């Protein structure tokens, strides 16, 4: 606690948190404009105005971060401002802006101002989580993010499924937060500090004790919930299916980037700078969670008939792949995890965008609802093709390079000695299995004929956003150095 208070430099702190401040100001502005000036306007006008203001707020923060990528190596002991953190934060802001653009025509809420404001507040939580290097800041930022997402999940007030999924999400989230806080308190008791660098120094001089193992398991349980890793994944399929589609996309994208960023920082805090680490139990916990997530996620996705639930189980499998990179614990593997998370998040937003439009047209997210999509809207079908093949890791799309960089960094890591090769082989086999269930969707899109033959009309903003995301996924695969140059992969 003392290090948190004494280390504050308010000038640097304001500079580091200016992007979050911009988002908070814009969220208030959205409320003022919506409730003060547009209260009697048409619902579509209010939603469009709220989302456009939110996008402008995100872009303003991106411009600031792009112009000041290294404001300070460490503004305080509690918040980091490094190029890697800036890359994650810019990614989160772009993902949030894309979610807002895909919400312009959304009809699930009669309170568009509140919706856009809470999305911006959740983005604020994501930015703080990414930069946090103190246990107290990490916990507060995670709760700001989580509480915003709980509310957003229940935002479709006329949908019983939305309320049910929000309740499950909240109950599981509350339990995981309690476990994580319990683990943090043990870490504080063992090291006398809440700062991650001081915790690393203190743990390096200690032997492994039963209390430390308990603390690490509790922390892993809390963060395992955030990334939907097995066995803390039970909320994910129901929440992905019941939440408004745009919110499911936000949970699957921006929230994942923030959660994996803090998991990387915590792993550095627990293991320190030594490649072999001082605490093998932490690595073993991550490895077993990765193994279970890869196996269960891919096998469960095989039998799904709801495309939302299919993507939820595939998200669990992708979390397993990324946990391998974190367990490898090298600078290269950490950068590879960030690369993987950002490209996966971009792709999954596009996939949920297509699901949102199909669901609005057919009233269902079942596999059969996608039948004949290639004849009803070829651009939409082509975008879905790119998103799903990228998720499966098919070259030359960006998903292939993300998997290649991640698995290569695991194999090169000295930490991954006896488990690296078997688990990378398992992950490669699981990726081949995943192609089967992604192709089940594409089979409906391109092969199965639909009773509906009229063109599927969508708004220009939705179509342009999805086409831009699809082009980005394809071009980042053809020119991988464009992103890998920004995130040094070593």
Protein backbone atom coordinates (compact mmCIF):
# COMPACT_ATOMS: atom_id res chain seq x y z
CA UNK A 1 0.00 0.00 0.00
CA UNK A 2 2.80 2.43 0.89
CA UNK A 3 4.53 1.90 -2.44
CA UNK A 4 1.28 2.69 -4.20
CA UNK A 5 0.86 6.00 -2.34
CA UNK A 6 4.47 7.13 -2.19
CA UNK A 7 5.27 6.35 -5.81
CA UNK A 8 2.63 8.62 -7.31
CA UNK A 9 3.83 11.39 -9.59
CA UNK A 10 0.64 13.22 -10.46
CA UNK A 11 2.00 14.80 -13.64
CA UNK A 12 3.00 11.44 -15.09
CA UNK A 13 -0.14 9.81 -13.72
CA UNK A 14 -2.34 12.31 -15.58
CA UNK A 15 -0.37 11.80 -18.80
CA UNK A 16 -0.59 8.02 -18.54
CA UNK A 17 -4.31 8.03 -17.78
CA UNK A 18 -5.31 10.72 -20.30
CA UNK A 19 -6.84 8.14 -22.72
CA UNK A 20 -9.05 6.85 -19.88
CA UNK A 21 -9.95 10.44 -18.96
CA UNK A 22 -10.98 11.15 -22.56
CA UNK A 23 -13.28 8.12 -22.54
CA UNK A 24 -14.90 9.17 -19.26
CA UNK A 25 -15.51 12.72 -20.52
CA UNK A 26 -17.00 11.41 -23.77
CA UNK A 27 -19.24 8.97 -21.87
CA UNK A 28 -20.67 11.91 -19.90
CA UNK A 29 -21.04 13.90 -23.13
CA UNK A 30 -22.96 11.02 -24.70
CA UNK A 31 -25.42 11.05 -21.80
CA UNK A 32 -25.86 14.83 -21.98
CA UNK A 33 -26.48 14.79 -25.74
CA UNK A 34 -28.82 11.79 -25.65
CA UNK A 35 -30.88 12.71 -22.60
CA UNK A 36 -30.67 16.48 -22.99
CA UNK A 37 -30.96 17.18 -26.71
CA UNK A 38 -32.11 14.01 -28.47
CA UNK A 39 -34.55 12.66 -25.91
CA UNK A 40 -37.55 13.10 -28.25
CA UNK A 41 -35.75 12.05 -31.42
CA UNK A 42 -36.22 8.76 -33.22
CA UNK A 43 -34.58 5.73 -31.60
CA UNK A 44 -32.35 5.17 -34.64
CA UNK A 45 -31.11 8.77 -34.51
CA UNK A 46 -30.29 8.53 -30.81
CA UNK A 47 -28.41 5.24 -31.23
CA UNK A 48 -26.46 6.56 -34.24
CA UNK A 49 -25.50 9.78 -32.42
CA UNK A 50 -24.43 7.92 -29.25
CA UNK A 51 -22.32 5.41 -31.19
CA UNK A 52 -20.68 8.06 -33.39
CA UNK A 53 -19.72 10.12 -30.31
CA UNK A 54 -18.32 6.97 -28.70
CA UNK A 55 -16.27 6.17 -31.80
CA UNK A 56 -14.89 9.73 -31.85
CA UNK A 57 -13.90 9.35 -28.19
CA UNK A 58 -12.05 6.08 -28.93
CA UNK A 59 -10.27 7.60 -31.92
CA UNK A 60 -9.19 10.62 -29.83
CA UNK A 61 -7.60 8.28 -27.29
CA UNK A 62 -5.93 6.31 -30.11
CA UNK A 63 -4.42 9.52 -31.51
CA UNK A 64 -3.03 10.43 -28.09
CA UNK A 65 -1.50 6.99 -27.55
CA UNK A 66 -0.06 6.94 -31.08
CA UNK A 67 1.60 10.30 -30.51
CA UNK A 68 2.90 9.35 -27.03
CA UNK A 69 3.75 5.63 -27.14
CA UNK A 70 6.37 5.94 -24.39
CA UNK A 71 5.13 8.66 -22.08
CA UNK A 72 7.15 7.14 -19.26
CA UNK A 73 8.74 3.80 -18.53
CA UNK A 74 6.76 3.71 -15.31
CA UNK A 75 4.61 6.70 -14.42
CA UNK A 76 4.13 5.28 -10.95
CA UNK A 77 4.73 1.91 -9.39
CA UNK A 78 1.11 1.14 -10.10
CA UNK A 79 0.65 1.89 -13.80
CA UNK A 80 2.96 1.03 -16.67
CA UNK A 81 3.33 3.02 -19.89
CA UNK A 82 5.42 0.92 -22.23
CA UNK A 83 5.18 0.35 -26.01
CA UNK A 84 3.65 -3.11 -25.42
CA UNK A 85 0.99 -1.64 -23.10
CA UNK A 86 0.30 1.13 -25.63
CA UNK A 87 -0.13 -1.50 -28.39
CA UNK A 88 -2.67 -3.40 -26.28
CA UNK A 89 -4.52 -0.20 -25.38
CA UNK A 90 -4.71 0.99 -28.99
CA UNK A 91 -6.02 -2.45 -29.94
CA UNK A 92 -8.71 -2.25 -27.22
CA UNK A 93 -9.80 1.21 -28.37
CA UNK A 94 -10.07 0.11 -32.01
CA UNK A 95 -12.06 -2.98 -30.99
CA UNK A 96 -14.42 -0.84 -28.90
CA UNK A 97 -14.94 1.54 -31.81
CA UNK A 98 -15.77 -1.41 -34.10
CA UNK A 99 -18.32 -2.74 -31.59
CA UNK A 100 -19.97 0.69 -31.48
CA UNK A 101 -20.06 0.91 -35.28
CA UNK A 102 -21.77 -2.50 -35.42
CA UNK A 103 -24.29 -1.21 -32.85
CA UNK A 104 -25.51 1.72 -34.97
CA UNK A 105 -28.57 -0.23 -36.18
CA UNK A 106 -29.07 -2.24 -32.99
CA UNK A 107 -32.61 -2.33 -31.65
CA UNK A 108 -32.20 -4.28 -28.40
CA UNK A 109 -32.15 -1.19 -26.18
CA UNK A 110 -34.41 1.83 -25.68
CA UNK A 111 -31.59 3.63 -23.84
CA UNK A 112 -28.87 4.23 -26.45
CA UNK A 113 -27.08 6.93 -24.45
CA UNK A 114 -26.67 4.68 -21.42
CA UNK A 115 -25.58 1.82 -23.68
CA UNK A 116 -22.78 3.78 -25.39
CA UNK A 117 -21.68 5.36 -22.10
CA UNK A 118 -21.34 1.98 -20.35
CA UNK A 119 -19.45 0.55 -23.34
CA UNK A 120 -16.97 3.44 -22.98
CA UNK A 121 -16.70 2.86 -19.22
CA UNK A 122 -15.96 -0.81 -19.84
CA UNK A 123 -13.24 0.29 -22.27
CA UNK A 124 -11.85 2.52 -19.50
CA UNK A 125 -11.65 -0.54 -17.26
CA UNK A 126 -9.89 -2.49 -20.03
CA UNK A 127 -7.26 0.24 -20.47
CA UNK A 128 -6.59 0.37 -16.72
CA UNK A 129 -6.37 -3.43 -16.48
CA UNK A 130 -3.80 -3.46 -19.29
CA UNK A 131 -1.56 -0.88 -17.60
CA UNK A 132 -2.00 -2.00 -13.98
CA UNK A 133 1.08 -3.25 -12.14
CA UNK A 134 -0.29 -3.27 -8.58
CA UNK A 135 -2.66 -5.84 -7.12
CA UNK A 136 -5.08 -3.20 -5.82
CA UNK A 137 -5.24 -1.37 -9.15
CA UNK A 138 -5.62 -4.68 -10.99
CA UNK A 139 -8.56 -5.72 -8.81
CA UNK A 140 -10.35 -2.34 -9.00
CA UNK A 141 -9.86 -2.11 -12.77
CA UNK A 142 -11.07 -5.68 -13.32
CA UNK A 143 -14.20 -4.96 -11.28
CA UNK A 144 -14.87 -1.75 -13.23
CA UNK A 145 -14.63 -3.80 -16.42
CA UNK A 146 -16.68 -6.70 -15.06
CA UNK A 147 -19.51 -4.60 -13.59
CA UNK A 148 -19.89 -2.76 -16.90
CA UNK A 149 -20.09 -6.05 -18.79
CA UNK A 150 -22.65 -7.51 -16.35
CA UNK A 151 -24.92 -4.52 -16.98
CA UNK A 152 -24.40 -4.63 -20.75
CA UNK A 153 -25.19 -8.35 -20.86
CA UNK A 154 -28.63 -7.62 -19.38
CA UNK A 155 -29.25 -4.60 -21.61
CA UNK A 156 -31.86 -6.32 -23.78
CA UNK A 157 -34.59 -5.86 -21.15
CA UNK A 158 -37.29 -7.58 -23.20
CA UNK A 159 -35.21 -10.76 -23.53
CA UNK A 160 -35.45 -13.33 -20.75
CA UNK A 161 -32.37 -15.05 -22.19
CA UNK A 162 -30.36 -11.83 -21.78
CA UNK A 163 -31.41 -11.51 -18.12
CA UNK A 164 -30.61 -15.17 -17.43
CA UNK A 165 -27.17 -14.97 -19.01
CA UNK A 166 -26.40 -11.74 -17.11
CA UNK A 167 -27.39 -13.37 -13.80
CA UNK A 168 -25.15 -16.39 -14.45
CA UNK A 169 -22.31 -14.12 -15.59
CA UNK A 170 -22.68 -11.99 -12.45
CA UNK A 171 -22.82 -14.93 -10.02
CA UNK A 172 -19.80 -16.68 -11.52
CA UNK A 173 -17.99 -13.34 -11.74
CA UNK A 174 -18.65 -12.49 -8.11
CA UNK A 175 -17.35 -15.86 -6.98
CA UNK A 176 -14.20 -15.57 -9.11
CA UNK A 177 -13.55 -12.03 -7.83
CA UNK A 178 -13.74 -13.29 -4.25
CA UNK A 179 -11.25 -16.09 -5.00
CA UNK A 180 -8.88 -13.71 -6.77
CA UNK A 181 -9.01 -11.21 -3.89
CA UNK A 182 -8.33 -14.04 -1.44
CA UNK A 183 -5.30 -15.05 -3.53
CA UNK A 184 -4.08 -11.45 -3.69
CA UNK A 185 -4.33 -11.16 0.09
CA UNK A 186 -2.17 -14.28 0.50
CA UNK A 187 0.39 -12.86 -1.94
CA UNK A 188 0.46 -9.63 0.05
CA UNK A 189 0.87 -11.56 3.27
CA UNK A 190 3.76 -13.58 1.85
CA UNK A 191 5.63 -10.67 0.25
CA UNK A 192 4.55 -7.55 2.17
CA UNK A 193 3.78 -5.66 -1.03
CA UNK A 194 1.04 -5.20 -3.60
CA UNK A 195 3.44 -4.04 -6.32
CA UNK A 196 4.24 -6.69 -8.94
CA UNK A 197 7.95 -5.90 -9.24
CA UNK A 198 8.37 -5.97 -5.45
CA UNK A 199 6.41 -9.23 -5.29
CA UNK A 200 8.77 -10.73 -7.87
CA UNK A 201 11.80 -9.68 -5.80
CA UNK A 202 10.32 -11.04 -2.57
CA UNK A 203 9.28 -14.39 -4.10
CA UNK A 204 12.72 -14.87 -5.68
CA UNK A 205 14.23 -15.13 -2.19
CA UNK A 206 11.60 -17.54 -0.85
CA UNK A 207 11.14 -21.26 -1.19
CA UNK A 208 7.85 -22.70 -2.37
CA UNK A 209 5.40 -23.04 0.51
CA UNK A 210 1.91 -24.60 0.67
CA UNK A 211 0.44 -21.13 1.29
CA UNK A 212 2.08 -19.81 -1.88
CA UNK A 213 0.62 -22.69 -3.88
CA UNK A 214 -2.86 -21.93 -2.49
CA UNK A 215 -2.43 -18.24 -3.34
CA UNK A 216 -1.40 -19.02 -6.92
CA UNK A 217 -4.30 -21.44 -7.42
CA UNK A 218 -6.79 -18.83 -6.15
CA UNK A 219 -5.35 -16.13 -8.42
CA UNK A 220 -5.41 -18.54 -11.38
CA UNK A 221 -9.06 -19.34 -10.62
CA UNK A 222 -9.99 -15.65 -10.61
CA UNK A 223 -8.20 -14.86 -13.85
CA UNK A 224 -9.26 -18.18 -15.40
CA UNK A 225 -12.84 -16.95 -15.17
CA UNK A 226 -11.97 -13.72 -16.99
CA UNK A 227 -10.46 -15.59 -19.95
CA UNK A 228 -13.02 -18.45 -19.83
CA UNK A 229 -10.40 -21.16 -19.30
CA UNK A 230 -11.42 -24.65 -18.15
CA UNK A 231 -12.62 -25.35 -15.44
CA UNK A 232 -13.84 -21.76 -14.97
CA UNK A 233 -15.58 -21.55 -18.35
CA UNK A 234 -19.17 -22.49 -17.47
CA UNK A 235 -20.52 -18.96 -17.84
CA UNK A 236 -19.16 -18.46 -21.37
CA UNK A 237 -21.57 -20.49 -23.58
CA UNK A 238 -24.69 -19.13 -21.88
CA UNK A 239 -23.41 -15.54 -21.83
CA UNK A 240 -22.27 -15.62 -25.46
CA UNK A 241 -25.68 -16.98 -26.46
CA UNK A 242 -27.91 -14.78 -24.30
CA UNK A 243 -26.16 -11.39 -24.40
CA UNK A 244 -26.86 -8.89 -27.18
CA UNK A 245 -24.59 -9.90 -30.05
CA UNK A 246 -22.54 -6.71 -29.92
CA UNK A 247 -21.86 -7.25 -26.20
CA UNK A 248 -20.88 -10.87 -26.79
CA UNK A 249 -18.39 -9.50 -29.32
CA UNK A 250 -17.04 -7.02 -26.75
CA UNK A 251 -16.66 -9.76 -24.12
CA UNK A 252 -14.91 -12.02 -26.63
CA UNK A 253 -12.57 -9.30 -27.90
CA UNK A 254 -11.63 -6.27 -25.80
CA UNK A 255 -12.18 -8.04 -22.49
CA UNK A 256 -9.92 -10.90 -23.62
CA UNK A 257 -7.12 -8.51 -24.66
CA UNK A 258 -7.24 -6.78 -21.26
CA UNK A 259 -7.42 -10.06 -19.30
CA UNK A 260 -4.50 -11.67 -21.12
CA UNK A 261 -2.44 -8.47 -20.74
CA UNK A 262 -2.84 -8.54 -16.98
CA UNK A 263 -2.17 -12.30 -16.91
CA UNK A 264 1.16 -11.66 -18.64
CA UNK A 265 1.99 -8.94 -16.09
CA UNK A 266 1.01 -11.17 -13.16
CA UNK A 267 3.10 -14.05 -14.52
CA UNK A 268 6.08 -11.69 -14.66
CA UNK A 269 5.27 -10.69 -11.07
CA UNK A 270 5.11 -14.26 -9.84
CA UNK A 271 8.07 -15.64 -11.81
CA UNK A 272 10.32 -12.57 -12.04
CA UNK A 273 12.81 -12.19 -14.86
CA UNK A 274 14.33 -15.66 -14.57
CA UNK A 275 13.33 -17.76 -17.59
CA UNK A 276 12.93 -20.90 -15.50
CA UNK A 277 11.09 -19.04 -12.81
CA UNK A 278 11.14 -19.51 -9.08
CA UNK A 279 7.63 -20.92 -8.83
CA UNK A 280 7.01 -23.97 -11.05
CA UNK A 281 3.50 -24.42 -9.50
CA UNK A 282 2.29 -21.31 -11.35
CA UNK A 283 3.51 -22.70 -14.67
CA UNK A 284 1.97 -26.11 -13.96
CA UNK A 285 -1.39 -24.49 -13.14
CA UNK A 286 -1.30 -22.59 -16.45
CA UNK A 287 -0.24 -25.69 -18.41
CA UNK A 288 -3.07 -27.84 -17.02
CA UNK A 289 -5.61 -25.09 -17.65
CA UNK A 290 -4.30 -24.81 -21.22
CA UNK A 291 -4.50 -28.58 -21.80
CA UNK A 292 -8.06 -28.84 -20.46
CA UNK A 293 -9.22 -25.76 -22.39
CA UNK A 294 -7.82 -26.99 -25.71
CA UNK A 295 -9.37 -30.45 -25.37
CA UNK A 296 -12.77 -29.52 -23.92
CA UNK A 297 -13.25 -26.39 -26.01
CA UNK A 298 -12.68 -28.12 -29.32
CA UNK A 299 -14.61 -31.31 -28.50
CA UNK A 300 -17.63 -29.41 -27.16
CA UNK A 301 -17.70 -27.10 -30.19
CA UNK A 302 -18.08 -30.14 -32.48
CA UNK A 303 -21.65 -30.85 -31.31
CA UNK A 304 -23.03 -27.31 -31.16
CA UNK A 305 -25.96 -26.26 -33.37
CA UNK A 306 -25.96 -22.63 -32.16
CA UNK A 307 -23.24 -20.62 -33.87
CA UNK A 308 -22.92 -18.36 -30.84
CA UNK A 309 -22.27 -21.35 -28.55
CA UNK A 310 -19.89 -22.79 -31.16
CA UNK A 311 -17.85 -19.57 -31.01
CA UNK A 312 -18.01 -19.64 -27.20
CA UNK A 313 -16.45 -23.11 -27.04
CA UNK A 314 -13.92 -22.20 -29.71
CA UNK A 315 -13.04 -19.14 -27.58
CA UNK A 316 -12.28 -21.52 -24.71
CA UNK A 317 -9.95 -23.47 -27.00
CA UNK A 318 -8.23 -20.29 -28.18
CA UNK A 319 -7.73 -19.30 -24.53
CA UNK A 320 -5.93 -22.62 -24.09
CA UNK A 321 -3.56 -21.85 -26.97
CA UNK A 322 -2.76 -18.45 -25.48
CA UNK A 323 -2.18 -19.92 -22.01
CA UNK A 324 0.61 -22.02 -23.53
CA UNK A 325 2.34 -18.80 -24.59
CA UNK A 326 2.00 -17.30 -21.11
CA UNK A 327 3.32 -20.47 -19.46
CA UNK A 328 6.36 -20.32 -21.79
CA UNK A 329 7.25 -17.02 -20.04
CA UNK A 330 9.71 -15.35 -22.39
CA UNK A 331 9.52 -11.80 -23.83
CA UNK A 332 8.91 -13.36 -27.26
CA UNK A 333 6.07 -15.58 -26.06
CA UNK A 334 4.44 -12.65 -24.22
CA UNK A 335 4.54 -10.55 -27.41
CA UNK A 336 3.18 -13.53 -29.37
CA UNK A 337 0.26 -13.86 -26.95
CA UNK A 338 -0.55 -10.16 -27.40
CA UNK A 339 -0.32 -10.57 -31.20
CA UNK A 340 -2.61 -13.62 -31.03
CA UNK A 341 -5.10 -11.91 -28.73
CA UNK A 342 -5.39 -8.79 -30.87
CA UNK A 343 -5.81 -10.65 -34.16
CA UNK A 344 -8.26 -13.13 -32.62
CA UNK A 345 -10.28 -10.26 -31.13
CA UNK A 346 -10.45 -8.48 -34.48
CA UNK A 347 -11.63 -11.65 -36.21
CA UNK A 348 -14.23 -12.62 -33.61
CA UNK A 349 -15.82 -9.14 -33.74
CA UNK A 350 -16.30 -9.64 -37.47
CA UNK A 351 -17.83 -13.09 -36.96
CA UNK A 352 -20.25 -11.79 -34.33
CA UNK A 353 -21.12 -8.89 -36.64
CA UNK A 354 -22.24 -11.35 -39.33
CA UNK A 355 -24.18 -13.40 -36.74
CA UNK A 356 -25.94 -10.24 -35.57
CA UNK A 357 -27.20 -9.47 -39.08
CA UNK A 358 -28.28 -13.05 -39.82
CA UNK A 359 -30.03 -13.27 -36.45
CA UNK A 360 -31.87 -10.01 -37.09
CA UNK A 361 -33.05 -11.34 -40.47
CA UNK A 362 -33.97 -14.90 -39.48
CA UNK A 363 -34.57 -14.65 -35.73
CA UNK A 364 -32.12 -17.49 -35.05
CA UNK A 365 -28.41 -18.15 -34.62
CA UNK A 366 -28.71 -21.86 -35.44
CA UNK A 367 -26.54 -23.37 -38.17
CA UNK A 368 -29.52 -23.65 -40.53
CA UNK A 369 -30.16 -19.89 -40.27
CA UNK A 370 -26.99 -19.37 -42.33
CA UNK A 371 -28.23 -21.54 -45.22
CA UNK A 372 -28.00 -19.80 -48.58
CA UNK A 373 -26.26 -16.70 -47.21
CA UNK A 374 -23.87 -16.65 -50.19
CA UNK A 375 -26.84 -16.15 -52.54
CA UNK A 376 -28.61 -13.60 -50.36
CA UNK A 377 -25.55 -11.42 -49.66
CA UNK A 378 -22.21 -12.49 -51.21
CA UNK A 379 -20.17 -9.81 -49.43
CA UNK A 380 -21.49 -10.89 -46.04
CA UNK A 381 -20.83 -14.54 -46.89
CA UNK A 382 -17.30 -13.73 -48.10
CA UNK A 383 -16.56 -11.87 -44.88
CA UNK A 384 -17.75 -14.85 -42.80
CA UNK A 385 -15.54 -17.14 -44.91
CA UNK A 386 -12.47 -15.04 -44.12
CA UNK A 387 -13.28 -14.80 -40.39
CA UNK A 388 -13.86 -18.53 -39.85
CA UNK A 389 -10.87 -19.67 -41.92
CA UNK A 390 -8.67 -17.23 -40.01
CA UNK A 391 -9.96 -18.59 -36.70
CA UNK A 392 -9.05 -22.08 -37.94
CA UNK A 393 -5.53 -20.88 -38.78
CA UNK A 394 -5.64 -21.32 -42.56
CA UNK A 395 -2.88 -19.46 -44.48
CA UNK A 396 -2.42 -16.78 -45.65
CA UNK A 397 -4.91 -15.23 -43.20
CA UNK A 398 -3.67 -13.55 -40.03
CA UNK A 399 -4.89 -16.40 -37.81
CA UNK A 400 -2.23 -18.65 -39.36
CA UNK A 401 0.58 -16.26 -38.46
CA UNK A 402 -0.81 -15.78 -34.96
CA UNK A 403 -0.71 -19.54 -34.33
CA UNK A 404 2.69 -19.91 -36.02
CA UNK A 405 4.31 -17.16 -33.93
CA UNK A 406 2.71 -18.42 -30.71
CA UNK A 407 3.65 -22.07 -31.11
CA UNK A 408 7.17 -21.21 -32.34
CA UNK A 409 7.76 -19.03 -29.26
CA UNK A 410 6.59 -21.89 -27.00
CA UNK A 411 8.94 -24.38 -28.65
CA UNK A 412 11.87 -21.96 -28.32
CA UNK A 413 11.23 -21.30 -24.64
CA UNK A 414 13.54 -23.02 -22.12
CA UNK A 415 10.65 -23.03 -19.63
CA UNK A 416 8.64 -25.33 -21.89
CA UNK A 417 11.18 -28.17 -21.64
CA UNK A 418 9.17 -31.35 -21.11
CA UNK A 419 5.65 -30.12 -21.87
CA UNK A 420 6.25 -27.73 -24.78
CA UNK A 421 6.44 -30.17 -27.72
CA UNK A 422 3.57 -32.49 -26.62
CA UNK A 423 1.19 -29.60 -25.97
CA UNK A 424 2.08 -27.77 -29.18
CA UNK A 425 1.43 -31.03 -31.06
CA UNK A 426 -1.91 -31.31 -29.24
CA UNK A 427 -2.75 -27.71 -30.14
CA UNK A 428 -1.93 -28.34 -33.81
CA UNK A 429 -4.16 -31.44 -33.84
CA UNK A 430 -6.93 -29.50 -32.12
CA UNK A 431 -6.62 -26.72 -34.71
CA UNK A 432 -7.21 -29.33 -37.42
CA UNK A 433 -10.32 -30.52 -35.55
CA UNK A 434 -11.55 -26.93 -35.26
CA UNK A 435 -11.57 -26.67 -39.04
CA UNK A 436 -14.38 -29.25 -39.09
CA UNK A 437 -16.81 -27.22 -36.99
CA UNK A 438 -15.96 -23.95 -38.71
CA UNK A 439 -16.66 -25.69 -42.05
CA UNK A 440 -20.09 -26.75 -40.76
CA UNK A 441 -21.03 -23.05 -40.76
CA UNK A 442 -19.47 -22.41 -44.17
CA UNK A 443 -21.26 -25.47 -45.58
CA UNK A 444 -24.60 -23.80 -44.75
CA UNK A 445 -23.37 -20.48 -46.12
CA UNK A 446 -22.19 -21.82 -49.51
CA UNK A 447 -23.68 -25.29 -50.12
CA UNK A 448 -27.06 -25.65 -48.41
CA UNK A 449 -29.95 -23.88 -50.14
CA UNK A 450 -32.37 -21.76 -48.18
CA UNK A 451 -36.14 -21.36 -48.57
CA UNK A 452 -35.54 -17.62 -48.39
CA UNK A 453 -34.14 -16.29 -51.64
CA UNK A 454 -34.65 -12.55 -51.36
CA UNK A 455 -31.46 -10.45 -50.89
CA UNK A 456 -30.39 -9.85 -47.31
CA UNK A 457 -30.21 -6.06 -47.01
CA UNK A 458 -27.99 -4.45 -44.39
CA UNK A 459 -26.99 -0.87 -43.65
CA UNK A 460 -23.99 0.73 -45.32
CA UNK A 461 -22.23 1.26 -41.96
CA UNK A 462 -22.54 -2.42 -40.99
CA UNK A 463 -21.43 -3.65 -44.41
CA UNK A 464 -18.51 -1.22 -44.60
CA UNK A 465 -17.36 -2.13 -41.07
CA UNK A 466 -17.46 -5.87 -41.77
CA UNK A 467 -15.71 -5.54 -45.13
CA UNK A 468 -12.97 -3.40 -43.55
CA UNK A 469 -12.47 -5.99 -40.78
CA UNK A 470 -12.34 -8.80 -43.36
CA UNK A 471 -9.82 -6.89 -45.48
CA UNK A 472 -7.71 -6.22 -42.37
CA UNK A 473 -7.74 -9.94 -41.46
CA UNK A 474 -6.68 -10.87 -45.01
CA UNK A 475 -4.08 -8.12 -45.50
CA UNK A 476 -2.46 -8.65 -42.09
CA UNK A 477 -2.03 -12.27 -43.15
CA UNK A 478 -0.51 -11.39 -46.53
CA UNK A 479 1.71 -8.72 -44.96
CA UNK A 480 2.38 -10.08 -41.44
CA UNK A 481 5.23 -7.65 -40.82
CA UNK A 482 2.72 -4.78 -40.67
CA UNK A 483 1.57 -5.94 -37.23
CA UNK A 484 4.60 -7.91 -36.08
CA UNK A 485 6.72 -4.79 -36.63
CA UNK A 486 4.42 -2.93 -34.26
CA UNK A 487 4.48 -5.72 -31.66
CA UNK A 488 8.12 -6.93 -31.56
CA UNK A 489 7.98 -10.72 -31.64
CA UNK A 490 11.70 -11.27 -31.17
